C-alpha atoms as a PDB file:
ATOM      1  CA  MET A   1      94.566  97.192 168.836  1.00  0.00           C
ATOM      2  CA  GLY A   2      91.786  99.274 167.038  1.00  0.00           C
ATOM      3  CA  LYS A   3      89.763  97.767 164.293  1.00  0.00           C
ATOM      4  CA  GLY A   4      90.406  98.564 160.929  1.00  0.00           C
ATOM      5  CA  GLY A   5      94.848  97.973 161.656  1.00  0.00           C
ATOM      6  CA  GLY A   6      96.847  95.217 159.703  1.00  0.00           C
ATOM      7  CA  ALA A   7      99.965  94.857 157.963  1.00  0.00           C
ATOM      8  CA  PRO A   8     101.527  97.416 155.330  1.00  0.00           C
ATOM      9  CA  PRO A   9     101.073  95.876 152.157  1.00  0.00           C
ATOM     10  CA  ALA A  10     104.804  93.751 151.177  1.00  0.00           C
ATOM     11  CA  PRO A  11     106.926  96.051 149.143  1.00  0.00           C
ATOM     12  CA  ASP A  12     106.714  95.315 145.451  1.00  0.00           C
ATOM     13  CA  PRO A  13     109.646  94.176 144.646  1.00  0.00           C
ATOM     14  CA  MET A  14     109.323  94.529 140.701  1.00  0.00           C
ATOM     15  CA  ALA A  15     108.576  98.346 141.523  1.00  0.00           C
ATOM     16  CA  ALA A  16     111.817  98.460 142.888  1.00  0.00           C
ATOM     17  CA  ILE A  17     113.458  96.729 140.127  1.00  0.00           C
ATOM     18  CA  ARG A  18     112.037  99.428 138.251  1.00  0.00           C
ATOM     19  CA  ALA A  19     112.974 102.194 140.243  1.00  0.00           C
ATOM     20  CA  GLN A  20     116.793 100.915 140.195  1.00  0.00           C
ATOM     21  CA  GLN A  21     116.973 100.535 136.500  1.00  0.00           C
ATOM     22  CA  ALA A  22     115.069 103.947 135.968  1.00  0.00           C
ATOM     23  CA  GLU A  23     118.410 105.849 138.447  1.00  0.00           C
ATOM     24  CA  GLN A  24     120.714 103.752 136.381  1.00  0.00           C
ATOM     25  CA  GLU A  25     119.322 105.157 133.223  1.00  0.00           C
ATOM     26  CA  ARG A  26     119.537 108.846 134.418  1.00  0.00           C
ATOM     27  CA  VAL A  27     123.493 108.016 135.792  1.00  0.00           C
ATOM     28  CA  ARG A  28     124.093 106.544 132.080  1.00  0.00           C
ATOM     29  CA  LEU A  29     122.041 109.465 130.454  1.00  0.00           C
ATOM     30  CA  GLU A  30     124.284 112.115 132.481  1.00  0.00           C
ATOM     31  CA  ARG A  31     127.296 110.157 131.665  1.00  0.00           C
ATOM     32  CA  ILE A  32     126.562 110.379 128.211  1.00  0.00           C
ATOM     33  CA  ALA A  33     125.703 114.393 128.414  1.00  0.00           C
ATOM     34  CA  ASP A  34     128.923 114.661 130.269  1.00  0.00           C
ATOM     35  CA  ALA A  35     130.840 113.261 127.817  1.00  0.00           C
ATOM     36  CA  ASP A  36     129.130 115.128 125.063  1.00  0.00           C
ATOM     37  CA  ARG A  37     130.076 117.888 126.728  1.00  0.00           C
ATOM     38  CA  PHE A  38     133.348 117.585 127.161  1.00  0.00           C
ATOM     39  CA  LEU A  39     134.368 116.569 124.062  1.00  0.00           C
ATOM     40  CA  ASP A  40     132.624 119.837 122.434  1.00  0.00           C
ATOM     41  CA  THR A  41     135.224 121.800 124.722  1.00  0.00           C
ATOM     42  CA  ASN A  42     137.739 120.049 124.277  1.00  0.00           C
ATOM     43  CA  ARG A  43     137.143 119.860 119.894  1.00  0.00           C
ATOM     44  CA  ILE A  44     139.647 119.522 117.448  1.00  0.00           C
ATOM     45  CA  THR A  45     139.510 122.946 115.301  1.00  0.00           C
ATOM     46  CA  ASP A  46     140.902 123.499 111.932  1.00  0.00           C
ATOM     47  CA  ASP A  47     143.146 126.256 113.604  1.00  0.00           C
ATOM     48  CA  TRP A  48     144.619 124.148 115.578  1.00  0.00           C
ATOM     49  CA  ARG A  49     145.362 121.571 113.389  1.00  0.00           C
ATOM     50  CA  GLN A  50     146.725 123.973 110.678  1.00  0.00           C
ATOM     51  CA  GLY A  51     148.889 125.341 113.610  1.00  0.00           C
ATOM     52  CA  ILE A  52     150.579 122.207 114.115  1.00  0.00           C
ATOM     53  CA  PHE A  53     150.875 121.726 110.498  1.00  0.00           C
ATOM     54  CA  ASP A  54     152.652 125.629 110.427  1.00  0.00           C
ATOM     55  CA  GLN A  55     155.174 124.345 112.982  1.00  0.00           C
ATOM     56  CA  SER A  56     155.727 120.946 111.790  1.00  0.00           C
ATOM     57  CA  ASN A  57     156.121 122.740 108.039  1.00  0.00           C
ATOM     58  CA  LEU A  58     158.378 125.604 110.066  1.00  0.00           C
ATOM     59  CA  ALA A  59     160.873 122.700 111.025  1.00  0.00           C
ATOM     60  CA  ARG A  60     160.956 120.996 107.780  1.00  0.00           C
ATOM     61  CA  ASP A  61     161.538 124.468 106.004  1.00  0.00           C
ATOM     62  CA  ALA A  62     164.890 125.268 107.812  1.00  0.00           C
ATOM     63  CA  GLN A  63     165.734 121.098 107.288  1.00  0.00           C
ATOM     64  CA  VAL A  64     166.134 121.637 103.826  1.00  0.00           C
ATOM     65  CA  GLY A  65     168.104 124.982 104.239  1.00  0.00           C
ATOM     66  CA  SER A  66     170.768 122.645 106.267  1.00  0.00           C
ATOM     67  CA  LEU A  67     170.355 120.014 103.714  1.00  0.00           C
ATOM     68  CA  GLY A  68     170.848 122.434 100.759  1.00  0.00           C
ATOM     69  CA  GLY A  69     174.122 123.744 103.035  1.00  0.00           C
ATOM     70  CA  GLN A  70     175.214 120.012 103.217  1.00  0.00           C
ATOM     71  CA  LEU A  71     174.881 119.152  99.785  1.00  0.00           C
ATOM     72  CA  GLU A  72     177.030 122.302  98.727  1.00  0.00           C
ATOM     73  CA  THR A  73     179.905 121.845 101.060  1.00  0.00           C
ATOM     74  CA  THR A  74     179.481 118.322  98.819  1.00  0.00           C
ATOM     75  CA  LEU A  75     179.551 119.462  95.666  1.00  0.00           C
ATOM     76  CA  GLN A  76     182.589 121.800  95.878  1.00  0.00           C
ATOM     77  CA  ASP A  77     184.356 118.913  97.933  1.00  0.00           C
ATOM     78  CA  ILE A  78     183.535 117.485  94.119  1.00  0.00           C
ATOM     79  CA  ARG A  79     184.909 120.048  92.194  1.00  0.00           C
ATOM     80  CA  GLN A  80     187.488 120.061  93.971  1.00  0.00           C
ATOM     81  CA  ARG A  81     188.790 116.942  93.902  1.00  0.00           C
ATOM     82  CA  ASN A  82     187.668 116.990  90.161  1.00  0.00           C
ATOM     83  CA  ALA A  83     189.585 119.718  89.277  1.00  0.00           C
ATOM     84  CA  ALA A  84     192.565 118.674  90.608  1.00  0.00           C
ATOM     85  CA  ARG A  85     192.384 115.088  89.487  1.00  0.00           C
ATOM     86  CA  GLY A  86     191.957 116.772  85.665  1.00  0.00           C
ATOM     87  CA  LEU A  87     187.783 115.247  85.403  1.00  0.00           C
ATOM     88  CA  GLY A  88     185.978 118.596  85.864  1.00  0.00           C
ATOM     89  CA  GLY A  89     184.356 118.085  81.994  1.00  0.00           C
ATOM     90  CA  SER A  90     184.095 114.909  82.144  1.00  0.00           C
ATOM     91  CA  SER A  91     181.037 112.079  81.845  1.00  0.00           C
ATOM     92  CA  SER A  92     182.791 110.519  85.049  1.00  0.00           C
ATOM     93  CA  GLY A  93     183.584 113.375  86.474  1.00  0.00           C
ATOM     94  CA  GLN A  94     179.929 115.083  86.241  1.00  0.00           C
ATOM     95  CA  GLY A  95     178.518 111.313  87.211  1.00  0.00           C
ATOM     96  CA  ILE A  96     179.561 112.416  91.002  1.00  0.00           C
ATOM     97  CA  LEU A  97     177.631 115.122  90.850  1.00  0.00           C
ATOM     98  CA  GLY A  98     174.835 114.218  89.240  1.00  0.00           C
ATOM     99  CA  GLN A  99     174.329 111.289  92.298  1.00  0.00           C
ATOM    100  CA  ALA A 100     174.909 113.515  94.736  1.00  0.00           C
ATOM    101  CA  ASN A 101     172.345 115.733  93.660  1.00  0.00           C
ATOM    102  CA  THR A 102     170.437 112.188  93.299  1.00  0.00           C
ATOM    103  CA  PHE A 103     170.649 112.223  96.759  1.00  0.00           C
ATOM    104  CA  TYR A 104     170.273 115.248  97.645  1.00  0.00           C
ATOM    105  CA  ASP A 105     166.785 115.268  96.316  1.00  0.00           C
ATOM    106  CA  ALA A 106     165.379 111.889  98.177  1.00  0.00           C
ATOM    107  CA  SER A 107     166.906 113.254 101.440  1.00  0.00           C
ATOM    108  CA  ARG A 108     164.488 116.634 100.169  1.00  0.00           C
ATOM    109  CA  SER A 109     161.706 114.136  99.994  1.00  0.00           C
ATOM    110  CA  ASP A 110     162.227 112.502 102.830  1.00  0.00           C
ATOM    111  CA  ILE A 111     162.005 115.694 104.947  1.00  0.00           C
ATOM    112  CA  PHE A 112     158.434 116.378 103.439  1.00  0.00           C
ATOM    113  CA  ASP A 113     157.099 112.870 104.268  1.00  0.00           C
ATOM    114  CA  THR A 114     158.480 113.139 107.549  1.00  0.00           C
ATOM    115  CA  ALA A 115     157.174 116.770 108.139  1.00  0.00           C
ATOM    116  CA  ARG A 116     153.535 115.214 107.194  1.00  0.00           C
ATOM    117  CA  ARG A 117     153.822 112.387 109.332  1.00  0.00           C
ATOM    118  CA  ARG A 118     155.223 114.479 112.613  1.00  0.00           C
ATOM    119  CA  ALA A 119     152.060 116.490 112.273  1.00  0.00           C
ATOM    120  CA  GLU A 120     149.479 113.969 111.611  1.00  0.00           C
ATOM    121  CA  GLY A 121     150.913 111.912 114.280  1.00  0.00           C
ATOM    122  CA  ARG A 122     150.633 114.725 117.122  1.00  0.00           C
ATOM    123  CA  ILE A 123     146.625 115.573 115.536  1.00  0.00           C
ATOM    124  CA  THR A 124     146.186 112.056 116.085  1.00  0.00           C
ATOM    125  CA  ASP A 125     147.264 111.856 119.545  1.00  0.00           C
ATOM    126  CA  GLN A 126     145.186 114.697 120.227  1.00  0.00           C
ATOM    127  CA  GLN A 127     142.039 112.822 118.898  1.00  0.00           C
ATOM    128  CA  ARG A 128     143.085 109.556 120.955  1.00  0.00           C
ATOM    129  CA  PHE A 129     143.199 111.469 124.148  1.00  0.00           C
ATOM    130  CA  LEU A 130     140.070 113.218 123.449  1.00  0.00           C
ATOM    131  CA  ASN A 131     138.601 109.898 123.039  1.00  0.00           C
ATOM    132  CA  ASN A 132     139.740 107.979 126.101  1.00  0.00           C
ATOM    133  CA  ALA A 133     138.997 111.120 128.253  1.00  0.00           C
ATOM    134  CA  ALA A 134     135.284 110.711 126.818  1.00  0.00           C
ATOM    135  CA  SER A 135     135.019 107.052 127.532  1.00  0.00           C
ATOM    136  CA  ASP A 136     136.326 107.416 130.887  1.00  0.00           C
ATOM    137  CA  ILE A 137     133.755 109.933 131.415  1.00  0.00           C
ATOM    138  CA  ARG A 138     130.979 107.575 130.118  1.00  0.00           C
ATOM    139  CA  SER A 139     132.488 104.780 132.275  1.00  0.00           C
ATOM    140  CA  GLY A 140     131.911 107.099 135.555  1.00  0.00           C
ATOM    141  CA  ARG A 141     135.036 109.322 135.487  1.00  0.00           C
ATOM    142  CA  ASN A 142     134.579 112.856 137.151  1.00  0.00           C
ATOM    143  CA  PHE A 143     134.105 115.609 134.584  1.00  0.00           C
ATOM    144  CA  GLU A 144     136.993 117.469 136.349  1.00  0.00           C
ATOM    145  CA  SER A 145     139.304 114.472 136.469  1.00  0.00           C
ATOM    146  CA  ALA A 146     139.232 113.557 133.035  1.00  0.00           C
ATOM    147  CA  GLN A 147     139.548 117.653 131.702  1.00  0.00           C
ATOM    148  CA  ALA A 148     142.706 117.481 134.107  1.00  0.00           C
ATOM    149  CA  GLY A 149     144.119 114.351 132.898  1.00  0.00           C
ATOM    150  CA  PHE A 150     143.440 115.205 128.808  1.00  0.00           C
ATOM    151  CA  ARG A 151     145.294 118.441 130.130  1.00  0.00           C
ATOM    152  CA  ALA A 152     147.576 117.214 131.462  1.00  0.00           C
ATOM    153  CA  ASP A 153     148.040 114.251 128.491  1.00  0.00           C
ATOM    154  CA  MET A 154     148.284 117.345 126.061  1.00  0.00           C
ATOM    155  CA  ASP A 155     151.088 118.921 127.430  1.00  0.00           C
ATOM    156  CA  ASP A 156     153.016 116.081 127.473  1.00  0.00           C
ATOM    157  CA  ALA A 157     152.540 115.776 123.526  1.00  0.00           C
ATOM    158  CA  ASN A 158     153.105 119.486 123.251  1.00  0.00           C
ATOM    159  CA  ASN A 159     156.880 118.816 125.092  1.00  0.00           C
ATOM    160  CA  ARG A 160     157.138 116.419 122.877  1.00  0.00           C
ATOM    161  CA  PHE A 161     156.312 117.728 119.998  1.00  0.00           C
ATOM    162  CA  GLU A 162     158.234 120.784 120.489  1.00  0.00           C
ATOM    163  CA  SER A 163     161.410 118.900 121.191  1.00  0.00           C
ATOM    164  CA  THR A 164     160.946 116.200 118.144  1.00  0.00           C
ATOM    165  CA  LEU A 165     161.024 120.092 115.842  1.00  0.00           C
ATOM    166  CA  THR A 166     163.994 121.262 117.926  1.00  0.00           C
ATOM    167  CA  GLY A 167     165.893 117.894 117.307  1.00  0.00           C
ATOM    168  CA  ALA A 168     164.964 117.820 113.184  1.00  0.00           C
ATOM    169  CA  LYS A 169     166.113 121.746 113.159  1.00  0.00           C
ATOM    170  CA  SER A 170     169.474 120.914 114.614  1.00  0.00           C
ATOM    171  CA  GLY A 171     170.035 117.227 112.894  1.00  0.00           C
ATOM    172  CA  ASP A 172     172.071 116.107 109.903  1.00  0.00           C
ATOM    173  CA  GLN A 173     169.605 116.219 107.697  1.00  0.00           C
ATOM    174  CA  ARG A 174     170.920 113.866 105.094  1.00  0.00           C
ATOM    175  CA  ASN A 175     169.776 110.562 105.046  1.00  0.00           C
ATOM    176  CA  ALA A 176     171.276 106.776 105.653  1.00  0.00           C
ATOM    177  CA  ALA A 177     171.768 106.711 101.940  1.00  0.00           C
ATOM    178  CA  PHE A 178     173.553 109.903 100.801  1.00  0.00           C
ATOM    179  CA  ARG A 179     175.661 109.767 104.130  1.00  0.00           C
ATOM    180  CA  ASN A 180     177.343 106.348 103.313  1.00  0.00           C
ATOM    181  CA  PHE A 181     177.030 107.581  99.786  1.00  0.00           C
ATOM    182  CA  GLU A 182     179.530 110.411 100.929  1.00  0.00           C
ATOM    183  CA  THR A 183     181.337 107.889 103.367  1.00  0.00           C
ATOM    184  CA  ASP A 184     181.975 105.535 100.636  1.00  0.00           C
ATOM    185  CA  ARG A 185     183.178 108.862  98.107  1.00  0.00           C
ATOM    186  CA  ARG A 186     185.739 109.780 101.297  1.00  0.00           C
ATOM    187  CA  LEU A 187     186.837 106.516 101.151  1.00  0.00           C
ATOM    188  CA  ALA A 188     188.168 106.160  97.373  1.00  0.00           C
ATOM    189  CA  ALA A 189     189.395 109.910  97.370  1.00  0.00           C
ATOM    190  CA  ALA A 190     191.640 108.498 100.726  1.00  0.00           C
ATOM    191  CA  LYS A 191     193.092 105.155  98.935  1.00  0.00           C
ATOM    192  CA  PHE A 192     193.209 107.601  95.835  1.00  0.00           C
ATOM    193  CA  GLN A 193     195.250 109.649  97.683  1.00  0.00           C
ATOM    194  CA  GLU A 194     197.816 106.919  99.147  1.00  0.00           C
ATOM    195  CA  SER A 195     198.158 105.552  95.917  1.00  0.00           C
ATOM    196  CA  VAL A 196     199.638 109.194  95.111  1.00  0.00           C
ATOM    197  CA  ASN A 197     201.549 109.567  97.429  1.00  0.00           C
ATOM    198  CA  GLN A 198     203.593 106.315  96.518  1.00  0.00           C
ATOM    199  CA  PHE A 199     205.184 108.443  93.656  1.00  0.00           C
ATOM    200  CA  GLY A 200     207.361 111.033  93.587  1.00  0.00           C
ATOM    201  CA  SER A 201     207.611 112.512  90.138  1.00  0.00           C
ATOM    202  CA  GLN A 202     204.971 113.796  87.995  1.00  0.00           C
ATOM    203  CA  GLY A 203     205.469 110.985  85.280  1.00  0.00           C
ATOM    204  CA  THR A 204     205.063 108.089  87.460  1.00  0.00           C
ATOM    205  CA  LEU A 205     202.167 109.866  89.619  1.00  0.00           C
ATOM    206  CA  ALA A 206     200.519 109.645  85.782  1.00  0.00           C
ATOM    207  CA  ALA A 207     200.799 106.595  85.205  1.00  0.00           C
ATOM    208  CA  ALA A 208     199.534 105.749  88.712  1.00  0.00           C
ATOM    209  CA  LEU A 209     196.234 107.448  87.344  1.00  0.00           C
ATOM    210  CA  GLY A 210     196.120 105.292  84.780  1.00  0.00           C
ATOM    211  CA  THR A 211     196.447 102.195  86.123  1.00  0.00           C
ATOM    212  CA  ALA A 212     195.065 102.591  89.896  1.00  0.00           C
ATOM    213  CA  PRO A 213     191.914 100.544  89.864  1.00  0.00           C
ATOM    214  CA  LYS A 214     188.495 100.995  91.529  1.00  0.00           C
ATOM    215  CA  THR A 215     190.178 103.738  93.768  1.00  0.00           C
ATOM    216  CA  SER A 216     188.187 106.895  91.768  1.00  0.00           C
ATOM    217  CA  ASP A 217     185.934 108.638  93.822  1.00  0.00           C
ATOM    218  CA  GLU A 218     183.525 108.419  90.686  1.00  0.00           C
ATOM    219  CA  GLU A 219     183.707 104.464  90.635  1.00  0.00           C
ATOM    220  CA  SER A 220     182.999 104.405  94.870  1.00  0.00           C
ATOM    221  CA  ALA A 221     179.728 106.564  94.742  1.00  0.00           C
ATOM    222  CA  GLY A 222     178.534 104.171  91.480  1.00  0.00           C
ATOM    223  CA  GLN A 223     178.524 101.110  93.704  1.00  0.00           C
ATOM    224  CA  VAL A 224     176.416 102.989  96.200  1.00  0.00           C
ATOM    225  CA  GLY A 225     174.416 104.667  93.478  1.00  0.00           C
ATOM    226  CA  GLY A 226     173.698 100.701  92.544  1.00  0.00           C
ATOM    227  CA  SER A 227     172.944  99.935  96.346  1.00  0.00           C
ATOM    228  CA  GLY A 228     169.368 101.248  96.618  1.00  0.00           C
ATOM    229  CA  PHE A 229     167.906 103.827  99.088  1.00  0.00           C
ATOM    230  CA  SER A 230     167.023 103.098 102.810  1.00  0.00           C
ATOM    231  CA  PRO A 231     165.455 106.455 104.594  1.00  0.00           C
ATOM    232  CA  THR A 232     165.935 106.931 107.764  1.00  0.00           C
ATOM    233  CA  ILE A 233     166.155 111.418 108.171  1.00  0.00           C
ATOM    234  CA  THR A 234     167.251 112.014 111.648  1.00  0.00           C
END
């Protein structure tokens, strides 16, 4: 063997560790940059946010219009019943009309609140999809894979949002308290009619009108009005 040979120096374990740490840091910074790029590419804009509110508000306005038609049907029915019983100008006759309008106002308020929450919920979902995908990229998920997953989540959310809008516009716009008011009022009217049918002459009918307890529309509605309000717009 020639002189001056000898074994190569042993690898420096600390150098290997430093190289490994440097590579890990490089990968970490690269993933952070990819996550930032993803968030910037898919950021929620003011125009998109406003568009969500606009869609929800269009459904809201259609609901309010439908609610107005439902109220008018109710008021017309009440007026006809009051007129048939000579209650049109009485305080009791006007009282039930006032209660119907009160329940209308509460239902309308529910519709506005629901429209706002609906839009806010869709925007919150979008932000959650963004945050989850960016977190996945920082954890090592491929940028393209995260982008595809985000778009799939967004499509599903859009479909659910559109379905909710369609259902809102086509449903019964009266809340539970309004529906209970109308149910109790109609039951009271039916009981009143049963008592009327038991008498054959106008004289005995007048007596029945004066003595039949708690069967009038306004008495039943008064009971409903004191039962509280439970908003459940569907």
